[in-house]
Amino acid sequence: MLIPCPFCGPRGSAEFSTVGSKPPPRPVPDAPPEAWHDYVNIRDNPAGVHEELWQHVHGCRQWLVVTRDTRSHAIAAVKAARP
C-alpha cells in the first residue's frame, strides 16, 4: 500500500506507523465510570471509509490524517494532522 505523504511523496506503508482511528473525545476527569469505560473499551470498527492517524516514522516523522477504505485499503486523502 502506497501512502502519498504530503511532505515526502508516495511511500510504502512499511515507513509508517498507525494508531488507528481518530480517538473519541476524552471524558472530563470527574465523568461517571460508564463514560470512562466507553472511552477506553468501546471503539467503532467501521467497514468503509474513515479517518486514521498515521505517523511517517521512517521519513519526515509528521503525523498525518489518512482517509482510507477499510474494505479495499484504497486511500482517498492524506493531510497533515496539524495545519
C-alpha atoms as a PDB file:
ATOM      1  CA  MET A   1       0.000   0.000   0.000  1.00  0.00           C
ATOM      2  CA  LEU A   2       1.429   3.373  -1.018  1.00  0.00           C
ATOM      3  CA  ILE A   3       0.666   6.349   1.193  1.00  0.00           C
ATOM      4  CA  PRO A   4       1.060   9.728  -0.538  1.00  0.00           C
ATOM      5  CA  CYS A   5       2.845  11.683   2.201  1.00  0.00           C
ATOM      6  CA  PRO A   6       2.200  15.401   1.593  1.00  0.00           C
ATOM      7  CA  PHE A   7       5.804  16.139   2.649  1.00  0.00           C
ATOM      8  CA  CYS A   8       7.808  13.264   1.105  1.00  0.00           C
ATOM      9  CA  GLY A   9       5.639  11.966  -1.739  1.00  0.00           C
ATOM     10  CA  PRO A  10       4.354   8.397  -2.185  1.00  0.00           C
ATOM     11  CA  ARG A  11       5.966   5.907   0.218  1.00  0.00           C
ATOM     12  CA  GLY A  12       5.330   2.290   1.161  1.00  0.00           C
ATOM     13  CA  SER A  13       3.212   1.658   4.242  1.00  0.00           C
ATOM     14  CA  ALA A  14       6.213  -0.004   5.962  1.00  0.00           C
ATOM     15  CA  GLU A  15       7.603   3.517   6.534  1.00  0.00           C
ATOM     16  CA  PHE A  16       4.544   4.452   8.597  1.00  0.00           C
ATOM     17  CA  SER A  17       3.003   3.547  11.918  1.00  0.00           C
ATOM     18  CA  THR A  18      -0.682   3.886  12.691  1.00  0.00           C
ATOM     19  CA  VAL A  19      -2.612   4.357  15.889  1.00  0.00           C
ATOM     20  CA  GLY A  20      -5.862   3.542  14.107  1.00  0.00           C
ATOM     21  CA  SER A  21      -8.994   5.610  14.045  1.00  0.00           C
ATOM     22  CA  LYS A  22      -9.017   9.083  15.463  1.00  0.00           C
ATOM     23  CA  PRO A  23      -9.864   8.668  19.151  1.00  0.00           C
ATOM     24  CA  PRO A  24     -13.151   9.930  20.605  1.00  0.00           C
ATOM     25  CA  PRO A  25     -13.105  12.984  22.855  1.00  0.00           C
ATOM     26  CA  ARG A  26     -11.652  12.268  26.306  1.00  0.00           C
ATOM     27  CA  PRO A  27     -14.187  12.442  29.162  1.00  0.00           C
ATOM     28  CA  VAL A  28     -13.783  15.097  31.827  1.00  0.00           C
ATOM     29  CA  PRO A  29     -11.829  13.876  34.894  1.00  0.00           C
ATOM     30  CA  ASP A  30     -14.941  13.591  37.065  1.00  0.00           C
ATOM     31  CA  ALA A  31     -17.036  11.781  34.431  1.00  0.00           C
ATOM     32  CA  PRO A  32     -19.000   8.733  35.585  1.00  0.00           C
ATOM     33  CA  PRO A  33     -17.326   5.305  35.320  1.00  0.00           C
ATOM     34  CA  GLU A  34     -19.559   4.384  32.362  1.00  0.00           C
ATOM     35  CA  ALA A  35     -18.116   7.263  30.328  1.00  0.00           C
ATOM     36  CA  TRP A  36     -14.557   6.125  31.082  1.00  0.00           C
ATOM     37  CA  HIS A  37     -15.464   2.504  30.272  1.00  0.00           C
ATOM     38  CA  ASP A  38     -16.814   3.557  26.882  1.00  0.00           C
ATOM     39  CA  TYR A  39     -13.795   5.797  26.199  1.00  0.00           C
ATOM     40  CA  VAL A  40     -11.276   3.047  27.000  1.00  0.00           C
ATOM     41  CA  ASN A  41     -13.058  -0.039  25.675  1.00  0.00           C
ATOM     42  CA  ILE A  42     -15.698   0.807  23.089  1.00  0.00           C
ATOM     43  CA  ARG A  43     -14.429   1.592  19.603  1.00  0.00           C
ATOM     44  CA  ASP A  44     -16.094   1.560  16.217  1.00  0.00           C
ATOM     45  CA  ASN A  45     -14.810  -0.968  13.702  1.00  0.00           C
ATOM     46  CA  PRO A  46     -16.190   0.527  10.518  1.00  0.00           C
ATOM     47  CA  ALA A  47     -16.326  -1.232   7.182  1.00  0.00           C
ATOM     48  CA  GLY A  48     -15.820   1.585   4.731  1.00  0.00           C
ATOM     49  CA  VAL A  49     -14.208   4.993   4.558  1.00  0.00           C
ATOM     50  CA  HIS A  50     -12.930   6.594   7.752  1.00  0.00           C
ATOM     51  CA  GLU A  51     -10.036   8.714   9.042  1.00  0.00           C
ATOM     52  CA  GLU A  52      -6.983   7.247  10.775  1.00  0.00           C
ATOM     53  CA  LEU A  53      -3.910   8.782  12.399  1.00  0.00           C
ATOM     54  CA  TRP A  54      -0.583   7.686  10.898  1.00  0.00           C
ATOM     55  CA  GLN A  55       2.993   8.818  11.551  1.00  0.00           C
ATOM     56  CA  HIS A  56       5.716   8.758   8.907  1.00  0.00           C
ATOM     57  CA  VAL A  57       8.248   7.238  11.311  1.00  0.00           C
ATOM     58  CA  HIS A  58      10.902   6.407   8.691  1.00  0.00           C
ATOM     59  CA  GLY A  59      10.586   9.675   6.822  1.00  0.00           C
ATOM     60  CA  CYS A  60       9.593  13.187   7.820  1.00  0.00           C
ATOM     61  CA  ARG A  61       8.144  11.981  11.187  1.00  0.00           C
ATOM     62  CA  GLN A  62       4.999  14.052  10.603  1.00  0.00           C
ATOM     63  CA  TRP A  63       1.582  12.934  11.868  1.00  0.00           C
ATOM     64  CA  LEU A  64      -0.984  12.511   9.100  1.00  0.00           C
ATOM     65  CA  VAL A  65      -4.724  12.012   8.819  1.00  0.00           C
ATOM     66  CA  VAL A  66      -5.300   9.279   6.241  1.00  0.00           C
ATOM     67  CA  THR A  67      -8.800   8.787   4.839  1.00  0.00           C
ATOM     68  CA  ARG A  68      -8.892   5.094   3.930  1.00  0.00           C
ATOM     69  CA  ASP A  69     -11.476   2.486   2.943  1.00  0.00           C
ATOM     70  CA  THR A  70     -11.018  -0.435   5.342  1.00  0.00           C
ATOM     71  CA  ARG A  71     -12.535  -2.878   2.820  1.00  0.00           C
ATOM     72  CA  SER A  72     -10.097  -2.208  -0.026  1.00  0.00           C
ATOM     73  CA  HIS A  73      -7.303  -0.179   1.646  1.00  0.00           C
ATOM     74  CA  ALA A  74      -7.872   2.484  -1.020  1.00  0.00           C
ATOM     75  CA  ILE A  75      -6.651   5.860   0.199  1.00  0.00           C
ATOM     76  CA  ALA A  76      -8.960   8.769  -0.625  1.00  0.00           C
ATOM     77  CA  ALA A  77      -6.980  11.594   1.018  1.00  0.00           C
ATOM     78  CA  VAL A  78      -3.936  12.341   3.158  1.00  0.00           C
ATOM     79  CA  LYS A  79      -3.384  15.596   5.037  1.00  0.00           C
ATOM     80  CA  ALA A  80      -1.151  16.876   7.799  1.00  0.00           C
ATOM     81  CA  ALA A  81      -2.632  16.299  11.230  1.00  0.00           C
ATOM     82  CA  ARG A  82      -1.646  19.877  12.107  1.00  0.00           C
ATOM     83  CA  PRO A  83      -2.497  22.583   9.593  1.00  0.00           C
END
